[in-house]
Amino acid sequence: MESLRIEILNPKARNLIKSLADMNLIRIKKDDEKTEFTELLAKLRKRPDDAPSLEEITKEVESVRNARYEK
């Protein structure tokens, strides 16, 4: 099986892709969340000197948890 990422420029193309999926020739999967995380990870890896330290990450996680549980 081969996977491709396609950017749809024309809305008519979406109908063609849906038709292919209806004929069981292709499967459509959404991976928006994974893509955002992958982009963030790539951005952080490009500049390791600017990446947050483990202590900074821990502080941020703790502050988010505290804010969540205060509600």
N, C-alpha and C. Protein backbone atom coordinates (compact mmCIF):
# COMPACT_ATOMS: atom_id res chain seq x y z
N MET A 1 0.84 -1.17 0.00
CA MET A 1 0.00 0.00 0.00
C MET A 1 0.89 1.24 0.00
N GLU A 2 0.50 2.22 -0.77
CA GLU A 2 1.25 3.47 -0.89
C GLU A 2 0.40 4.60 -0.34
N SER A 3 1.01 5.49 0.43
CA SER A 3 0.29 6.63 0.99
C SER A 3 0.78 7.91 0.35
N LEU A 4 -0.14 8.81 0.08
CA LEU A 4 0.17 10.10 -0.50
C LEU A 4 -0.57 11.18 0.27
N ARG A 5 0.01 12.35 0.32
CA ARG A 5 -0.68 13.50 0.89
C ARG A 5 -1.01 14.43 -0.26
N ILE A 6 -2.27 14.78 -0.39
CA ILE A 6 -2.74 15.56 -1.52
C ILE A 6 -3.38 16.84 -1.01
N GLU A 7 -3.03 17.97 -1.62
CA GLU A 7 -3.68 19.23 -1.32
C GLU A 7 -4.68 19.50 -2.43
N ILE A 8 -5.93 19.68 -2.05
CA ILE A 8 -6.99 19.89 -3.03
C ILE A 8 -7.10 21.38 -3.32
N LEU A 9 -6.90 21.74 -4.58
CA LEU A 9 -6.95 23.14 -4.99
C LEU A 9 -8.31 23.52 -5.55
N ASN A 10 -9.00 22.56 -6.12
CA ASN A 10 -10.29 22.82 -6.74
C ASN A 10 -11.33 21.92 -6.07
N PRO A 11 -12.45 22.49 -5.62
CA PRO A 11 -13.47 21.69 -4.94
C PRO A 11 -14.01 20.53 -5.79
N LYS A 12 -13.93 20.62 -7.09
CA LYS A 12 -14.40 19.54 -7.95
C LYS A 12 -13.54 18.29 -7.75
N ALA A 13 -12.29 18.49 -7.41
CA ALA A 13 -11.39 17.36 -7.19
C ALA A 13 -11.84 16.54 -5.98
N ARG A 14 -12.41 17.20 -4.99
CA ARG A 14 -12.89 16.48 -3.80
C ARG A 14 -13.97 15.48 -4.19
N ASN A 15 -14.85 15.88 -5.11
CA ASN A 15 -15.90 14.96 -5.56
C ASN A 15 -15.30 13.75 -6.28
N LEU A 16 -14.26 13.97 -7.06
CA LEU A 16 -13.61 12.86 -7.74
C LEU A 16 -12.98 11.90 -6.73
N ILE A 17 -12.35 12.46 -5.72
CA ILE A 17 -11.71 11.63 -4.70
C ILE A 17 -12.77 10.84 -3.93
N LYS A 18 -13.88 11.49 -3.60
CA LYS A 18 -14.96 10.78 -2.90
C LYS A 18 -15.52 9.65 -3.76
N SER A 19 -15.61 9.89 -5.07
CA SER A 19 -16.09 8.84 -5.98
C SER A 19 -15.15 7.64 -5.96
N LEU A 20 -13.86 7.89 -5.96
CA LEU A 20 -12.88 6.79 -5.89
C LEU A 20 -13.02 6.02 -4.58
N ALA A 21 -13.28 6.74 -3.51
CA ALA A 21 -13.46 6.08 -2.22
C ALA A 21 -14.74 5.25 -2.22
N ASP A 22 -15.80 5.76 -2.84
CA ASP A 22 -17.06 5.01 -2.92
C ASP A 22 -16.90 3.71 -3.70
N MET A 23 -15.99 3.70 -4.67
CA MET A 23 -15.74 2.50 -5.47
C MET A 23 -14.73 1.57 -4.80
N ASN A 24 -14.33 1.90 -3.54
CA ASN A 24 -13.35 1.13 -2.77
C ASN A 24 -12.01 1.02 -3.49
N LEU A 25 -11.64 2.07 -4.21
CA LEU A 25 -10.33 2.12 -4.86
C LEU A 25 -9.30 2.81 -3.98
N ILE A 26 -9.77 3.71 -3.14
CA ILE A 26 -8.88 4.41 -2.21
C ILE A 26 -9.58 4.52 -0.86
N ARG A 27 -8.82 4.87 0.17
CA ARG A 27 -9.34 5.11 1.51
C ARG A 27 -8.92 6.52 1.90
N ILE A 28 -9.84 7.28 2.43
CA ILE A 28 -9.55 8.65 2.84
C ILE A 28 -9.37 8.68 4.35
N LYS A 29 -8.22 9.22 4.79
CA LYS A 29 -7.94 9.37 6.21
C LYS A 29 -7.58 10.82 6.46
N LYS A 30 -7.99 11.33 7.60
CA LYS A 30 -7.60 12.68 7.99
C LYS A 30 -6.50 12.57 9.04
N ASP A 31 -5.49 13.40 8.91
CA ASP A 31 -4.38 13.35 9.85
C ASP A 31 -3.97 14.75 10.28
N ASP A 32 -4.94 15.65 10.46
CA ASP A 32 -4.65 17.03 10.81
C ASP A 32 -3.88 17.16 12.12
N GLU A 33 -4.33 16.46 13.16
CA GLU A 33 -3.67 16.57 14.45
C GLU A 33 -2.24 16.07 14.38
N LYS A 34 -2.05 14.96 13.73
CA LYS A 34 -0.72 14.39 13.61
C LYS A 34 0.20 15.34 12.84
N THR A 35 -0.32 15.96 11.80
CA THR A 35 0.47 16.87 11.00
C THR A 35 0.92 18.08 11.81
N GLU A 36 0.02 18.65 12.59
CA GLU A 36 0.38 19.79 13.42
C GLU A 36 1.49 19.43 14.40
N PHE A 37 1.38 18.27 15.00
CA PHE A 37 2.40 17.83 15.94
C PHE A 37 3.73 17.60 15.22
N THR A 38 3.67 16.99 14.05
CA THR A 38 4.89 16.72 13.29
C THR A 38 5.58 18.03 12.90
N GLU A 39 4.80 19.03 12.49
CA GLU A 39 5.37 20.32 12.14
C GLU A 39 6.03 20.99 13.34
N LEU A 40 5.37 20.91 14.50
CA LEU A 40 5.93 21.48 15.71
C LEU A 40 7.23 20.78 16.08
N LEU A 41 7.23 19.47 15.99
CA LEU A 41 8.42 18.70 16.31
C LEU A 41 9.57 19.05 15.38
N ALA A 42 9.28 19.17 14.10
CA ALA A 42 10.31 19.54 13.12
C ALA A 42 10.86 20.94 13.42
N LYS A 43 9.96 21.85 13.79
CA LYS A 43 10.38 23.22 14.11
C LYS A 43 11.32 23.22 15.33
N LEU A 44 10.97 22.45 16.34
CA LEU A 44 11.81 22.41 17.54
C LEU A 44 13.15 21.74 17.26
N ARG A 45 13.16 20.74 16.40
CA ARG A 45 14.40 20.04 16.11
C ARG A 45 15.35 20.87 15.25
N LYS A 46 14.81 21.81 14.49
CA LYS A 46 15.67 22.67 13.67
C LYS A 46 16.53 23.58 14.54
N ARG A 47 16.00 23.99 15.68
CA ARG A 47 16.70 24.93 16.54
C ARG A 47 16.79 24.35 17.95
N PRO A 48 17.64 23.36 18.15
CA PRO A 48 17.69 22.72 19.47
C PRO A 48 18.12 23.66 20.59
N ASP A 49 18.84 24.73 20.27
CA ASP A 49 19.27 25.65 21.31
C ASP A 49 18.09 26.45 21.87
N ASP A 50 17.07 26.66 21.04
CA ASP A 50 15.90 27.42 21.45
C ASP A 50 14.81 26.53 22.05
N ALA A 51 15.00 25.23 22.01
CA ALA A 51 13.99 24.31 22.53
C ALA A 51 13.88 24.46 24.04
N PRO A 52 12.67 24.32 24.57
CA PRO A 52 12.51 24.45 26.02
C PRO A 52 13.19 23.30 26.76
N SER A 53 13.66 23.61 27.93
CA SER A 53 14.29 22.58 28.75
C SER A 53 13.22 21.70 29.39
N LEU A 54 13.65 20.60 29.95
CA LEU A 54 12.72 19.69 30.62
C LEU A 54 12.03 20.41 31.78
N GLU A 55 12.75 21.25 32.48
CA GLU A 55 12.16 22.00 33.59
C GLU A 55 11.09 22.97 33.11
N GLU A 56 11.34 23.65 31.99
CA GLU A 56 10.36 24.57 31.43
C GLU A 56 9.10 23.83 30.98
N ILE A 57 9.29 22.69 30.38
CA ILE A 57 8.16 21.88 29.93
C ILE A 57 7.34 21.43 31.14
N THR A 58 8.02 20.98 32.17
CA THR A 58 7.34 20.51 33.38
C THR A 58 6.53 21.64 34.02
N LYS A 59 7.10 22.83 34.09
CA LYS A 59 6.38 23.98 34.66
C LYS A 59 5.13 24.28 33.85
N GLU A 60 5.24 24.25 32.54
CA GLU A 60 4.10 24.53 31.67
C GLU A 60 3.00 23.48 31.84
N VAL A 61 3.40 22.22 31.90
CA VAL A 61 2.42 21.15 32.08
C VAL A 61 1.71 21.30 33.42
N GLU A 62 2.46 21.61 34.45
CA GLU A 62 1.86 21.79 35.78
C GLU A 62 0.89 22.97 35.80
N SER A 63 1.24 24.07 35.13
CA SER A 63 0.35 25.23 35.13
C SER A 63 -0.94 24.92 34.36
N VAL A 64 -0.84 24.17 33.28
CA VAL A 64 -2.05 23.78 32.52
C VAL A 64 -2.90 22.85 33.35
N ARG A 65 -2.29 21.91 34.03
CA ARG A 65 -3.05 20.99 34.88
C ARG A 65 -3.75 21.74 36.01
N ASN A 66 -3.03 22.66 36.65
CA ASN A 66 -3.64 23.43 37.73
C ASN A 66 -4.82 24.24 37.22
N ALA A 67 -4.68 24.85 36.07
CA ALA A 67 -5.78 25.64 35.49
C ALA A 67 -6.97 24.75 35.17
N ARG A 68 -6.72 23.57 34.69
CA ARG A 68 -7.79 22.64 34.33
C ARG A 68 -8.56 22.18 35.56
N TYR A 69 -7.84 21.87 36.64
CA TYR A 69 -8.49 21.33 37.83
C TYR A 69 -9.12 22.40 38.72
N GLU A 70 -8.79 23.68 38.49
CA GLU A 70 -9.40 24.76 39.27
C GLU A 70 -10.85 24.99 38.87
N LYS A 71 -11.23 24.57 37.69
CA LYS A 71 -12.60 24.81 37.20
C LYS A 71 -13.62 24.03 37.96
